[in-house]
N, C-alpha and C. Protein backbone atom coordinates (compact mmCIF):
# COMPACT_ATOMS: atom_id res chain seq x y z
N MET A 1 137.72 176.18 17.82
CA MET A 1 138.55 175.07 17.73
C MET A 1 139.55 174.54 18.87
N GLN A 2 139.50 173.45 19.54
CA GLN A 2 140.07 172.65 20.45
C GLN A 2 141.53 171.96 19.62
N TYR A 3 142.42 172.77 20.81
CA TYR A 3 143.64 172.21 20.06
C TYR A 3 144.28 170.96 21.35
N GLN A 4 144.78 169.65 20.23
CA GLN A 4 145.37 169.20 21.59
C GLN A 4 147.00 168.72 20.76
N GLU A 5 147.81 168.76 22.16
CA GLU A 5 149.37 168.17 21.81
C GLU A 5 149.30 167.07 22.17
N HIS A 6 149.67 165.80 21.42
CA HIS A 6 150.15 165.20 22.23
C HIS A 6 151.36 164.88 22.34
N ILE A 7 152.36 164.22 23.52
CA ILE A 7 153.63 163.74 23.59
C ILE A 7 153.73 163.11 24.03
N PRO A 8 154.32 161.82 23.31
CA PRO A 8 154.94 160.40 23.38
C PRO A 8 155.30 160.44 24.85
N SER A 9 154.89 159.42 25.65
CA SER A 9 155.94 159.13 26.88
C SER A 9 156.14 157.84 26.86
N SER A 10 156.02 156.89 25.92
CA SER A 10 156.31 155.28 26.29
C SER A 10 156.54 154.78 24.88
N PHE A 11 156.86 153.85 24.85
CA PHE A 11 156.89 152.73 23.40
C PHE A 11 156.98 151.93 23.57
N CYS A 12 157.04 150.91 22.66
CA CYS A 12 156.74 149.12 22.66
C CYS A 12 157.09 149.23 21.42
N TYR A 13 158.15 147.96 20.70
CA TYR A 13 158.06 147.37 19.57
C TYR A 13 158.53 145.98 19.74
N TYR A 14 157.95 144.68 18.55
CA TYR A 14 158.35 143.80 18.48
C TYR A 14 158.95 143.18 16.94
N ILE A 15 159.68 143.36 16.52
CA ILE A 15 160.43 142.80 15.28
C ILE A 15 160.26 141.05 15.33
N GLU A 16 159.23 140.94 14.14
CA GLU A 16 159.13 138.75 14.52
C GLU A 16 160.00 138.90 13.21
N CYS A 17 160.09 137.45 13.13
CA CYS A 17 161.19 137.04 11.85
C CYS A 17 160.42 135.67 11.78
N ILE A 18 159.88 135.37 10.46
CA ILE A 18 159.37 133.67 10.24
C ILE A 18 160.00 132.48 11.19
N ASP A 19 161.18 133.02 11.24
CA ASP A 19 161.87 131.21 11.69
C ASP A 19 162.56 131.90 13.40
N ASP A 20 162.14 131.90 14.44
CA ASP A 20 162.70 132.26 15.52
C ASP A 20 164.57 131.46 15.91
N THR A 21 164.85 130.66 15.09
CA THR A 21 166.30 130.49 15.04
C THR A 21 166.67 131.02 14.24
N ILE A 22 166.61 131.84 13.36
CA ILE A 22 167.23 132.63 12.23
C ILE A 22 167.17 134.04 13.03
N TYR A 23 166.44 134.85 13.61
CA TYR A 23 166.13 135.61 14.60
C TYR A 23 165.72 136.02 15.18
N TRP A 24 165.73 136.65 16.92
CA TRP A 24 164.77 136.73 17.86
C TRP A 24 165.13 137.53 18.73
N LYS A 25 164.58 138.41 19.02
CA LYS A 25 164.89 139.57 20.46
C LYS A 25 163.67 139.91 20.73
N ALA A 26 163.99 139.95 21.99
CA ALA A 26 162.50 140.52 22.83
C ALA A 26 161.95 141.72 22.44
N PRO A 27 160.43 141.93 22.94
CA PRO A 27 160.24 143.46 22.78
C PRO A 27 161.02 144.77 23.42
N VAL A 28 160.74 145.54 22.65
CA VAL A 28 161.84 146.78 23.09
C VAL A 28 160.82 147.48 23.56
N SER A 29 160.95 147.70 24.79
CA SER A 29 159.90 149.09 25.40
C SER A 29 160.73 150.23 25.93
N TYR A 30 159.77 151.56 26.51
CA TYR A 30 161.04 152.27 27.09
C TYR A 30 159.66 153.13 28.22
N VAL A 31 159.69 153.61 28.68
CA VAL A 31 158.77 154.30 29.37
C VAL A 31 159.77 156.05 30.04
N ALA A 32 159.02 157.45 29.66
CA ALA A 32 159.89 158.56 29.95
C ALA A 32 160.33 158.26 31.46
N LYS A 33 160.94 158.68 31.59
CA LYS A 33 161.52 159.13 32.71
C LYS A 33 161.39 160.61 33.57
N SER A 34 161.38 161.19 32.31
CA SER A 34 160.41 162.69 32.99
C SER A 34 160.35 163.37 31.90
N GLU A 35 159.86 164.33 32.24
CA GLU A 35 158.76 164.65 30.87
C GLU A 35 160.24 166.04 29.98
N ASP A 36 161.41 165.89 29.93
CA ASP A 36 162.14 165.86 29.11
C ASP A 36 162.69 165.28 28.13
N ASP A 37 162.15 163.81 28.70
CA ASP A 37 162.74 162.76 27.72
C ASP A 37 161.73 163.09 25.94
N ASP A 38 162.57 162.88 25.11
CA ASP A 38 162.21 162.64 23.94
C ASP A 38 161.99 161.51 23.37
N VAL A 39 161.34 160.58 24.01
CA VAL A 39 161.01 160.01 23.06
C VAL A 39 160.79 159.16 21.94
N ALA A 40 160.23 160.06 21.18
CA ALA A 40 160.18 159.77 19.51
C ALA A 40 161.32 159.80 19.25
N LYS A 41 162.32 160.23 20.03
CA LYS A 41 163.55 160.06 19.39
C LYS A 41 164.25 158.87 19.92
N LEU A 42 163.92 158.57 20.97
CA LEU A 42 164.65 157.39 21.36
C LEU A 42 164.46 156.25 20.64
N PHE A 43 162.70 155.95 19.92
CA PHE A 43 162.02 155.49 19.81
C PHE A 43 162.82 154.98 18.35
N LEU A 44 163.16 155.98 17.34
CA LEU A 44 163.82 156.26 15.99
C LEU A 44 164.90 155.56 15.98
N ASP A 45 165.63 155.42 16.95
CA ASP A 45 167.18 155.91 17.40
C ASP A 45 167.12 154.23 17.81
N SER A 46 166.61 153.76 18.04
CA SER A 46 166.81 152.38 18.61
C SER A 46 166.08 151.38 17.77
N LEU A 47 165.45 151.74 17.27
CA LEU A 47 164.41 151.08 15.71
C LEU A 47 165.66 151.50 14.62
N VAL A 48 166.31 152.36 14.19
CA VAL A 48 167.00 152.44 13.29
C VAL A 48 168.17 151.14 13.79
N LYS A 49 168.65 151.50 15.20
CA LYS A 49 169.76 150.80 15.48
C LYS A 49 169.16 149.01 15.56
N ASP A 50 168.37 148.80 15.65
CA ASP A 50 168.00 147.16 15.28
C ASP A 50 167.92 147.00 13.83
N VAL A 51 167.23 147.51 12.99
CA VAL A 51 167.22 147.63 11.50
C VAL A 51 168.78 147.12 11.09
N GLU A 52 169.70 148.63 11.28
CA GLU A 52 171.24 148.13 10.85
C GLU A 52 171.80 146.81 11.68
N ASP A 53 171.53 146.81 12.49
CA ASP A 53 171.74 145.05 13.51
C ASP A 53 171.25 143.89 12.25
N ILE A 54 170.29 143.98 12.25
CA ILE A 54 169.24 143.22 10.78
C ILE A 54 170.20 142.86 9.67
N CYS A 55 170.58 143.75 8.77
CA CYS A 55 170.99 144.32 7.54
C CYS A 55 172.34 143.78 7.83
N GLN A 56 173.29 144.21 9.12
CA GLN A 56 174.90 143.25 9.26
C GLN A 56 174.57 142.16 8.96
N ARG A 57 173.67 141.42 10.14
CA ARG A 57 173.46 139.84 9.90
C ARG A 57 173.30 139.21 8.64
N PHE A 58 172.37 139.88 7.93
CA PHE A 58 171.61 139.36 6.97
C PHE A 58 172.59 139.41 5.66
N LEU A 59 172.31 140.73 4.96
CA LEU A 59 172.79 141.18 4.09
C LEU A 59 174.23 141.34 3.88
N GLY A 60 174.85 141.39 5.24
CA GLY A 60 176.60 141.14 4.79
C GLY A 60 177.60 139.99 4.59
N LYS A 61 176.05 138.77 4.58
CA LYS A 61 177.07 137.46 4.16
C LYS A 61 176.11 136.74 2.91
N PRO A 62 176.44 137.30 1.45
CA PRO A 62 175.76 137.05 0.56
C PRO A 62 175.62 135.48 0.41
N LYS A 63 174.93 134.56 -0.16
CA LYS A 63 174.96 132.95 0.05
C LYS A 63 174.78 133.12 -1.33
N LYS A 64 175.73 131.85 -1.71
CA LYS A 64 175.82 131.05 -2.79
C LYS A 64 174.49 130.66 -3.20
N MET A 65 174.43 130.94 -4.92
CA MET A 65 173.20 130.79 -5.17
C MET A 65 173.20 129.60 -5.83
N ILE A 66 172.46 127.93 -5.55
CA ILE A 66 172.45 126.89 -6.51
C ILE A 66 171.49 126.56 -7.19
N PHE A 67 172.11 126.37 -8.59
CA PHE A 67 171.34 126.67 -9.74
C PHE A 67 171.98 124.59 -10.26
N THR A 68 170.83 124.41 -10.80
CA THR A 68 170.74 123.00 -11.86
C THR A 68 171.62 123.96 -13.05
N ALA A 69 171.80 122.33 -13.91
CA ALA A 69 172.59 122.71 -15.01
C ALA A 69 171.56 123.56 -15.91
N VAL A 70 170.37 123.63 -16.11
CA VAL A 70 169.04 123.96 -17.26
C VAL A 70 168.79 125.31 -16.12
N GLU A 71 168.67 125.40 -14.79
CA GLU A 71 168.44 126.98 -14.13
C GLU A 71 169.59 127.74 -14.62
N GLU A 72 171.03 127.23 -14.46
CA GLU A 72 171.78 128.23 -14.75
C GLU A 72 171.38 128.82 -16.57
N GLU A 73 171.67 127.74 -17.03
CA GLU A 73 171.56 127.94 -18.64
C GLU A 73 170.74 129.22 -19.15
N ILE A 74 169.42 129.14 -18.46
CA ILE A 74 168.59 130.35 -18.26
C ILE A 74 168.51 131.20 -17.53
N PHE A 75 169.48 131.43 -16.57
CA PHE A 75 169.47 132.91 -15.46
C PHE A 75 171.14 133.39 -16.66
N ASN A 76 171.95 132.35 -17.34
CA ASN A 76 172.49 133.28 -18.39
C ASN A 76 172.09 133.51 -19.46
N SER A 77 171.23 133.45 -19.91
CA SER A 77 170.65 133.48 -21.34
C SER A 77 169.65 135.03 -21.13
């Protein structure tokens, strides 16, 4: 039985928002500079950083819900 080990040497990802005026970021890419680079860890660290940035931007600023009188009555019941 043959066995192969894949060692990542690069990555690229792009986060797309439905509306570029709300959030836009250029694609993130990285190519290993040496065999010692832990490309998988760098990928995850970069992705976690971007997710944290998105959460801080959008989850940290809740918007007030706008109800009509009827909608508010239905919501409260």
